[in-house]
Amino acid sequence: MSSVEKLKQRLMHFCIAITFFTSGLIINFIQLILHFTLKPFNKWLFRRIMYYLCYSLYSQLIFVADWYSNSKVHVYMDAEDEKKYCGNEHVLLIMNHSYEIDWLAGWMFTEKARVLGNCKAYAKKVIAYVPVIGWAWKFAEFVFLERSYDKDREIIARQLKEVFAYPDPTWLLLNAEGTRFTEKKHEASVKFAQERGMTVLKHHLIPRTKGFTASLESLRGRCPAIYDINLAFKKDAVNPPTISTLLNGKPVEGFMFVRRIPLEQVPADEEKAAAWLQNLFVEKDRIIDSFHTTGSFFKTSGMKETACKVYPKRLCSLVNFLAWAVFSISLIMYYLLSSLILKNWIGLSIAISVLVTFYVFMVKAINMSKISKASSYGADVKKSN
């Protein structure tokens, strides 16, 4: 790569960082005001507005994937289920957690289903204190857990009633594996399964069932379906599925098999429900193994083959990013030039410091997303499930 191309790339990274963090802080401020002035009196309207505010923030990352890097996700889903249900109902998503950008691939799918603004997840409580994305999730009523089962059970019961009271379809992500797949964690997972006579999973960690079973009582009557999402990227792909790849403008190509499972198929008994989830992951393992060995989710997994669909890019994610980029960069350039003309050196120094901070935050966010920097949670042999 030439020095000119590197400069262009760095400038684009800077533009993305400035736009995302400037717009994010503005959105956080609006969320804060609405949280105290509107939510106590009209939760319905508050949540409708939250949808658009969250979409405006999240879709900037969709812009990076769809428009800047020209990435795509091939979605395999039963045509009738997609037409009748997808984007029209509350959903619990259960997805494999194996890649740096599996969450973004999931967002790409939800954005095409027009539910991105109402996507939520079970997340670590500490994330709620992270500026921009963490604050946005806090105001959007994500399910923040402390990883203490007794406390989390109460939080789940209370928060799911709030999440599925939203006026529009809400999709809630549960990473049942508890943490992202790494070789070290997989070794611990294999040992755990062998010691307990469980089926050893080749491409997944043994799922943690307590969060799932604790959720079922609150889900019933509110959330009609589970979407089992199986995401894979080809191991011999030219470009690896990482944030750095996308920010360098290089495309990645994901493959996603989505199954709709009516919630009534999950047993009411807690032990049977836990066994159901374990069996689901055995099926998921066969699905992913089939993809990596044959190039198809269906050939050796025993699953019914479905047609592939690549959703077209939506113009709104492009327009949203460009609008925020023009506003953010114009605002900052105006302040920098005004400070320079007026010889306001303190103000100029502060503005430059803020810009550098935004860029550093972006770099840190990229590093945190790397598999090598993933949480150590789950790396040790699990004592209980």
Protein backbone atom coordinates (compact mmCIF):
# COMPACT_ATOMS: atom_id res chain seq x y z
CA MET A 1 0.00 0.00 0.00
CA SER A 2 1.41 3.40 -1.03
CA SER A 3 1.86 6.24 1.43
CA VAL A 4 -0.98 8.17 -0.27
CA GLU A 5 -3.37 5.25 0.16
CA LYS A 6 -2.32 4.89 3.80
CA LEU A 7 -3.02 8.59 4.36
CA LYS A 8 -6.46 8.29 2.76
CA GLN A 9 -7.18 5.28 4.93
CA ARG A 10 -6.12 7.07 8.13
CA LEU A 11 -8.24 10.10 7.21
CA MET A 12 -11.25 7.85 6.66
CA HIS A 13 -10.64 6.18 10.02
CA PHE A 14 -10.45 9.62 11.61
CA CYS A 15 -13.69 10.63 9.90
CA ILE A 16 -15.47 7.50 11.15
CA ALA A 17 -14.16 8.00 14.70
CA ILE A 18 -15.13 11.69 14.83
CA THR A 19 -18.58 10.99 13.40
CA PHE A 20 -19.35 8.01 15.62
CA PHE A 21 -18.19 9.50 18.92
CA THR A 22 -19.52 13.02 18.31
CA SER A 23 -22.92 11.76 17.21
CA GLY A 24 -22.87 9.15 19.98
CA LEU A 25 -22.37 11.71 22.73
CA ILE A 26 -25.14 13.88 21.27
CA ILE A 27 -27.46 10.86 21.13
CA ASN A 28 -26.51 9.96 24.72
CA PHE A 29 -27.40 13.50 25.83
CA ILE A 30 -30.79 13.33 24.10
CA GLN A 31 -31.41 9.90 25.69
CA LEU A 32 -30.54 11.31 29.12
CA ILE A 33 -32.98 14.19 28.75
CA LEU A 34 -35.78 11.93 27.51
CA HIS A 35 -35.10 9.41 30.28
CA PHE A 36 -35.98 12.00 32.92
CA THR A 37 -38.53 14.15 31.07
CA LEU A 38 -40.51 11.71 28.90
CA LYS A 39 -40.11 8.14 30.17
CA PRO A 40 -41.88 8.70 33.54
CA PHE A 41 -44.97 9.99 31.72
CA ASN A 42 -45.08 8.13 28.42
CA LYS A 43 -42.99 4.95 28.14
CA TRP A 44 -44.55 4.07 24.79
CA LEU A 45 -43.39 7.28 23.12
CA PHE A 46 -40.02 7.14 24.90
CA ARG A 47 -39.37 3.68 23.49
CA ARG A 48 -40.45 4.65 19.99
CA ILE A 49 -37.95 7.52 20.05
CA MET A 50 -35.26 5.22 21.51
CA TYR A 51 -35.66 3.00 18.45
CA TYR A 52 -34.68 5.82 16.09
CA LEU A 53 -31.89 7.13 18.31
CA CYS A 54 -30.34 3.68 18.64
CA TYR A 55 -30.75 3.02 14.93
CA SER A 56 -29.00 6.31 14.15
CA LEU A 57 -26.02 5.20 16.26
CA TYR A 58 -25.81 1.51 15.33
CA SER A 59 -26.36 2.04 11.61
CA GLN A 60 -23.11 3.99 11.38
CA LEU A 61 -21.38 0.64 11.88
CA ILE A 62 -23.71 -0.88 9.28
CA PHE A 63 -22.43 1.84 6.93
CA VAL A 64 -18.86 0.64 7.52
CA ALA A 65 -19.84 -2.97 6.76
CA ASP A 66 -22.31 -2.41 3.91
CA TRP A 67 -21.11 0.69 2.10
CA TYR A 68 -17.48 1.34 3.03
CA SER A 69 -16.18 -2.24 2.93
CA ASN A 70 -18.91 -3.68 0.67
CA SER A 71 -19.29 -6.75 2.88
CA LYS A 72 -22.25 -9.09 2.66
CA VAL A 73 -24.00 -11.84 4.57
CA HIS A 74 -25.68 -14.78 2.85
CA VAL A 75 -28.80 -15.64 4.88
CA TYR A 76 -30.41 -19.07 4.76
CA MET A 77 -33.90 -19.07 6.30
CA ASP A 78 -37.15 -20.84 5.56
CA ALA A 79 -38.90 -18.59 3.02
CA GLU A 80 -42.29 -18.89 4.68
CA ASP A 81 -40.92 -18.09 8.15
CA GLU A 82 -39.00 -15.12 6.77
CA LYS A 83 -42.04 -13.70 5.00
CA LYS A 84 -44.50 -14.28 7.83
CA TYR A 85 -42.46 -13.69 10.98
CA CYS A 86 -39.07 -12.05 10.35
CA GLY A 87 -39.22 -8.49 11.67
CA ASN A 88 -42.81 -8.89 12.84
CA GLU A 89 -42.44 -10.48 16.28
CA HIS A 90 -40.47 -10.40 19.51
CA VAL A 91 -37.54 -12.83 19.37
CA LEU A 92 -34.85 -14.40 21.55
CA LEU A 93 -31.70 -14.86 19.45
CA ILE A 94 -29.26 -17.66 20.24
CA MET A 95 -26.08 -17.24 18.23
CA ASN A 96 -22.61 -18.78 18.14
CA HIS A 97 -19.92 -16.42 19.46
CA SER A 98 -16.84 -17.28 17.42
CA TYR A 99 -15.67 -14.18 15.52
CA GLU A 100 -14.63 -10.60 16.19
CA ILE A 101 -17.50 -9.32 14.08
CA ASP A 102 -20.22 -11.90 14.74
CA TRP A 103 -22.22 -9.18 16.51
CA LEU A 104 -21.90 -6.89 13.48
CA ALA A 105 -22.96 -9.67 11.09
CA GLY A 106 -25.98 -10.11 13.34
CA TRP A 107 -26.67 -6.37 13.18
CA MET A 108 -26.46 -6.50 9.38
CA PHE A 109 -29.22 -9.12 9.39
CA THR A 110 -31.39 -7.24 11.89
CA GLU A 111 -30.96 -3.98 9.97
CA LYS A 112 -32.33 -5.65 6.84
CA ALA A 113 -35.21 -7.03 8.95
CA ARG A 114 -35.79 -3.42 10.14
CA VAL A 115 -35.42 -4.17 13.84
CA LEU A 116 -31.87 -2.89 14.42
CA GLY A 117 -33.00 -0.02 16.65
CA ASN A 118 -34.76 -2.49 18.96
CA CYS A 119 -31.92 -5.02 19.16
CA LYS A 120 -30.89 -5.74 22.72
CA ALA A 121 -28.67 -8.23 24.50
CA TYR A 122 -27.64 -9.74 27.79
CA ALA A 123 -24.43 -7.85 28.62
CA LYS A 124 -21.88 -7.45 31.40
CA LYS A 125 -22.84 -4.69 33.83
CA VAL A 126 -19.49 -2.91 33.39
CA ILE A 127 -20.35 -2.14 29.75
CA ALA A 128 -23.14 0.19 30.93
CA TYR A 129 -20.46 2.67 32.06
CA VAL A 130 -18.67 2.84 28.69
CA PRO A 131 -19.34 6.20 26.95
CA VAL A 132 -21.43 6.22 23.77
CA ILE A 133 -22.26 2.56 23.15
CA GLY A 134 -22.57 1.52 26.82
CA TRP A 135 -24.62 4.58 27.75
CA ALA A 136 -26.85 4.07 24.71
CA TRP A 137 -27.47 0.46 25.77
CA LYS A 138 -28.26 1.56 29.34
CA PHE A 139 -30.93 4.01 28.21
CA ALA A 140 -32.24 1.44 25.72
CA GLU A 141 -32.89 -0.98 28.61
CA PHE A 142 -30.43 -3.77 27.82
CA VAL A 143 -30.24 -6.68 30.26
CA PHE A 144 -27.08 -5.98 32.28
CA LEU A 145 -25.88 -8.91 34.39
CA GLU A 146 -23.49 -9.11 37.32
CA ARG A 147 -22.56 -12.78 36.83
CA SER A 148 -24.01 -13.62 40.22
CA TYR A 149 -26.82 -16.10 39.59
CA ASP A 150 -29.11 -15.03 42.46
CA LYS A 151 -28.88 -11.35 41.50
CA ASP A 152 -29.04 -12.04 37.77
CA ARG A 153 -32.16 -14.16 38.11
CA GLU A 154 -34.00 -11.18 39.61
CA ILE A 155 -32.58 -8.81 37.01
CA ILE A 156 -33.63 -11.10 34.15
CA ALA A 157 -37.17 -11.55 35.47
CA ARG A 158 -37.61 -7.80 35.89
CA GLN A 159 -35.85 -6.62 32.75
CA LEU A 160 -37.40 -9.04 30.27
CA LYS A 161 -40.84 -7.70 31.16
CA GLU A 162 -39.56 -4.25 30.22
CA VAL A 163 -37.77 -5.38 27.05
CA PHE A 164 -40.75 -7.18 25.60
CA ALA A 165 -43.16 -4.39 26.50
CA TYR A 166 -41.74 -2.34 23.61
CA PRO A 167 -44.38 -1.30 21.03
CA ASP A 168 -42.36 -2.66 18.10
CA PRO A 169 -40.69 -6.06 17.57
CA THR A 170 -37.69 -6.47 19.86
CA TRP A 171 -34.86 -8.96 19.30
CA LEU A 172 -32.86 -9.98 22.36
CA LEU A 173 -29.49 -11.71 21.94
CA LEU A 174 -28.35 -14.41 24.36
CA ASN A 175 -24.75 -15.61 23.96
CA ALA A 176 -25.34 -18.90 25.75
CA GLU A 177 -21.65 -19.84 25.54
CA GLY A 178 -20.97 -16.97 27.94
CA THR A 179 -17.86 -15.75 26.14
CA ARG A 180 -16.22 -15.78 22.73
CA PHE A 181 -14.73 -19.01 21.41
CA THR A 182 -10.94 -19.33 21.74
CA GLU A 183 -8.75 -22.42 21.60
CA LYS A 184 -7.89 -22.17 25.29
CA LYS A 185 -11.55 -21.88 26.31
CA HIS A 186 -12.46 -24.71 23.94
CA GLU A 187 -9.92 -27.00 25.62
CA ALA A 188 -11.52 -26.23 28.99
CA SER A 189 -14.98 -26.81 27.50
CA VAL A 190 -13.95 -30.19 26.06
CA LYS A 191 -12.52 -31.27 29.41
CA PHE A 192 -15.71 -30.16 31.16
CA ALA A 193 -17.87 -32.18 28.75
CA GLN A 194 -15.70 -35.31 28.98
CA GLU A 195 -15.73 -35.27 32.79
CA ARG A 196 -19.54 -35.16 32.80
CA GLY A 197 -20.24 -37.56 29.95
CA MET A 198 -21.62 -34.81 27.73
CA THR A 199 -21.33 -34.56 23.96
CA VAL A 200 -18.06 -32.82 23.10
CA LEU A 201 -18.57 -29.81 20.84
CA LYS A 202 -16.05 -29.18 18.09
CA HIS A 203 -16.93 -25.60 17.12
CA HIS A 204 -18.68 -24.27 20.24
CA LEU A 205 -18.22 -24.00 23.98
CA ILE A 206 -20.60 -25.92 26.23
CA PRO A 207 -23.52 -23.51 26.75
CA ARG A 208 -24.29 -22.09 30.17
CA THR A 209 -27.91 -23.01 30.74
CA LYS A 210 -28.81 -21.02 33.87
CA GLY A 211 -29.34 -17.70 32.11
CA PHE A 212 -31.51 -19.41 29.52
CA THR A 213 -33.67 -21.32 31.99
CA ALA A 214 -34.00 -18.24 34.24
CA SER A 215 -35.37 -16.33 31.26
CA LEU A 216 -38.05 -18.79 30.18
CA GLU A 217 -40.75 -17.85 32.68
CA SER A 218 -40.58 -14.19 31.66
CA LEU A 219 -40.36 -15.04 27.96
CA ARG A 220 -43.52 -17.15 27.87
CA GLY A 221 -46.53 -15.17 26.76
CA ARG A 222 -44.33 -12.29 25.62
CA CYS A 223 -41.80 -13.71 23.15
CA PRO A 224 -43.24 -16.27 20.71
CA ALA A 225 -40.04 -17.59 19.15
CA ILE A 226 -36.33 -18.34 19.35
CA TYR A 227 -34.16 -17.70 16.31
CA ASP A 228 -31.22 -20.09 16.25
CA ILE A 229 -28.49 -18.25 14.33
CA ASN A 230 -25.51 -20.14 12.96
CA LEU A 231 -22.83 -17.84 11.55
CA ALA A 232 -19.75 -18.94 9.65
CA PHE A 233 -16.97 -17.42 7.58
CA LYS A 234 -14.90 -19.53 5.21
CA LYS A 235 -11.56 -20.47 6.71
CA ASP A 236 -9.78 -19.92 3.40
CA ALA A 237 -11.32 -16.49 2.80
CA VAL A 238 -8.93 -13.84 1.45
CA ASN A 239 -9.95 -11.30 4.08
CA PRO A 240 -10.33 -12.36 7.74
CA PRO A 241 -13.58 -11.40 9.54
CA THR A 242 -12.17 -8.63 11.74
CA ILE A 243 -12.94 -5.00 12.50
CA SER A 244 -9.57 -4.01 11.04
CA THR A 245 -10.48 -5.65 7.74
CA LEU A 246 -13.69 -3.62 7.50
CA LEU A 247 -12.01 -0.35 8.48
CA ASN A 248 -9.42 -0.95 5.79
CA GLY A 249 -12.25 -1.03 3.27
CA LYS A 250 -11.87 -4.73 2.48
CA PRO A 251 -15.01 -6.89 2.15
CA VAL A 252 -15.79 -9.97 4.17
CA GLU A 253 -18.40 -12.56 3.29
CA GLY A 254 -20.47 -14.23 6.00
CA PHE A 255 -22.89 -17.13 5.84
CA MET A 256 -25.83 -17.36 8.24
CA PHE A 257 -28.35 -20.14 8.75
CA VAL A 258 -31.40 -18.99 10.73
CA ARG A 259 -33.98 -21.34 12.21
CA ARG A 260 -37.23 -20.16 13.78
CA ILE A 261 -38.16 -22.30 16.80
CA PRO A 262 -41.54 -21.65 18.49
CA LEU A 263 -40.96 -21.07 22.21
CA GLU A 264 -43.58 -23.66 23.15
CA GLN A 265 -41.16 -26.33 21.91
CA VAL A 266 -38.92 -25.58 24.89
CA PRO A 267 -39.90 -27.72 27.93
CA ALA A 268 -41.31 -25.92 30.96
CA ASP A 269 -39.29 -28.03 33.41
CA GLU A 270 -35.96 -26.37 34.21
CA GLU A 271 -33.81 -29.50 33.87
CA LYS A 272 -35.50 -30.50 30.63
CA ALA A 273 -35.10 -26.94 29.29
CA ALA A 274 -31.39 -27.06 30.15
CA ALA A 275 -31.10 -30.39 28.30
CA TRP A 276 -32.98 -28.86 25.35
CA LEU A 277 -30.40 -26.06 25.11
CA GLN A 278 -27.53 -28.54 25.30
CA ASN A 279 -29.09 -30.53 22.47
CA LEU A 280 -29.58 -27.33 20.45
CA PHE A 281 -25.83 -26.72 20.64
CA VAL A 282 -25.12 -30.28 19.53
CA GLU A 283 -27.25 -29.50 16.46
CA LYS A 284 -25.50 -26.15 15.99
CA ASP A 285 -22.15 -27.93 16.11
CA ARG A 286 -23.23 -30.31 13.34
CA ILE A 287 -24.44 -27.36 11.26
CA ILE A 288 -21.15 -25.45 11.55
CA ASP A 289 -19.12 -28.62 11.02
CA SER A 290 -21.08 -29.33 7.85
CA PHE A 291 -20.29 -25.84 6.57
CA HIS A 292 -16.56 -26.08 7.23
CA THR A 293 -16.20 -29.61 5.80
CA THR A 294 -18.57 -29.40 2.79
CA GLY A 295 -19.19 -25.69 2.21
CA SER A 296 -22.87 -26.18 3.01
CA PHE A 297 -24.87 -25.93 6.24
CA PHE A 298 -27.05 -28.83 5.13
CA LYS A 299 -25.08 -31.68 3.50
CA THR A 300 -24.04 -33.55 6.66
CA SER A 301 -26.02 -31.75 9.38
CA GLY A 302 -29.38 -33.38 8.68
CA MET A 303 -31.07 -29.99 8.39
CA LYS A 304 -33.63 -29.22 5.70
CA GLU A 305 -32.01 -27.11 2.98
CA THR A 306 -33.30 -23.57 2.52
CA ALA A 307 -32.70 -21.00 -0.19
CA CYS A 308 -30.01 -18.34 0.19
CA LYS A 309 -30.83 -14.65 0.24
CA VAL A 310 -28.48 -11.66 0.13
CA TYR A 311 -30.37 -8.58 1.28
CA PRO A 312 -29.73 -5.36 -0.64
CA LYS A 313 -28.11 -2.44 1.12
CA ARG A 314 -30.53 0.05 2.62
CA LEU A 315 -29.98 3.67 1.64
CA CYS A 316 -30.94 4.96 5.09
CA SER A 317 -27.69 3.72 6.69
CA LEU A 318 -25.67 5.64 4.08
CA VAL A 319 -27.75 8.82 4.43
CA ASN A 320 -27.61 8.62 8.23
CA PHE A 321 -23.81 8.34 8.28
CA LEU A 322 -23.27 11.11 5.72
CA ALA A 323 -25.61 13.46 7.61
CA TRP A 324 -23.81 12.88 10.90
CA ALA A 325 -20.39 13.09 9.21
CA VAL A 326 -21.16 16.46 7.59
CA PHE A 327 -22.59 17.81 10.86
CA SER A 328 -19.81 16.49 13.12
CA ILE A 329 -16.86 17.42 10.91
CA SER A 330 -18.32 20.85 10.06
CA LEU A 331 -18.89 21.57 13.75
CA ILE A 332 -15.35 20.58 14.69
CA MET A 333 -13.73 22.38 11.75
CA TYR A 334 -15.67 25.55 12.58
CA TYR A 335 -14.47 25.42 16.18
CA LEU A 336 -10.87 24.71 15.18
CA LEU A 337 -10.77 27.54 12.63
CA SER A 338 -12.49 29.97 15.01
CA SER A 339 -10.01 29.13 17.77
CA LEU A 340 -7.11 29.56 15.35
CA ILE A 341 -8.35 32.92 14.02
CA LEU A 342 -9.12 34.23 17.50
CA LYS A 343 -5.85 32.80 18.82
CA ASN A 344 -7.75 30.82 21.43
CA TRP A 345 -4.87 28.45 22.05
CA ILE A 346 -6.44 26.77 25.08
CA GLY A 347 -9.64 26.04 23.17
CA LEU A 348 -7.62 24.82 20.19
CA SER A 349 -5.56 22.51 22.41
CA ILE A 350 -8.70 21.09 24.02
CA ALA A 351 -10.33 20.47 20.63
CA ILE A 352 -7.25 18.69 19.28
CA SER A 353 -7.04 16.62 22.47
CA VAL A 354 -10.68 15.58 22.06
CA LEU A 355 -10.06 14.53 18.45
CA VAL A 356 -7.02 12.48 19.45
CA THR A 357 -9.08 10.91 22.25
CA PHE A 358 -11.80 9.89 19.77
CA TYR A 359 -9.20 8.21 17.57
CA VAL A 360 -7.59 6.46 20.55
CA PHE A 361 -11.03 5.23 21.66
CA MET A 362 -11.56 3.74 18.22
CA VAL A 363 -8.20 1.97 18.30
CA LYS A 364 -8.91 0.63 21.80
CA ALA A 365 -12.36 -0.57 20.72
CA ILE A 366 -10.74 -2.46 17.83
CA ASN A 367 -8.19 -4.03 20.16
CA MET A 368 -10.90 -5.02 22.66
CA SER A 369 -12.84 -6.77 19.90
CA LYS A 370 -9.89 -8.96 18.93
CA ILE A 371 -10.20 -12.62 19.83
CA SER A 372 -6.73 -12.54 21.38
CA LYS A 373 -7.96 -9.86 23.77
CA ALA A 374 -11.23 -11.62 24.62
CA SER A 375 -12.43 -12.04 28.20
CA SER A 376 -10.83 -14.80 30.24
CA TYR A 377 -14.30 -15.73 31.47
CA GLY A 378 -14.79 -19.41 30.70
CA ALA A 379 -11.11 -20.14 30.20
CA ASP A 380 -11.01 -22.23 33.34
CA VAL A 381 -12.81 -25.51 33.66
CA LYS A 382 -16.43 -24.76 34.54
CA LYS A 383 -17.45 -25.90 37.98
CA SER A 384 -21.18 -25.68 37.34
CA ASN A 385 -23.51 -25.14 34.44
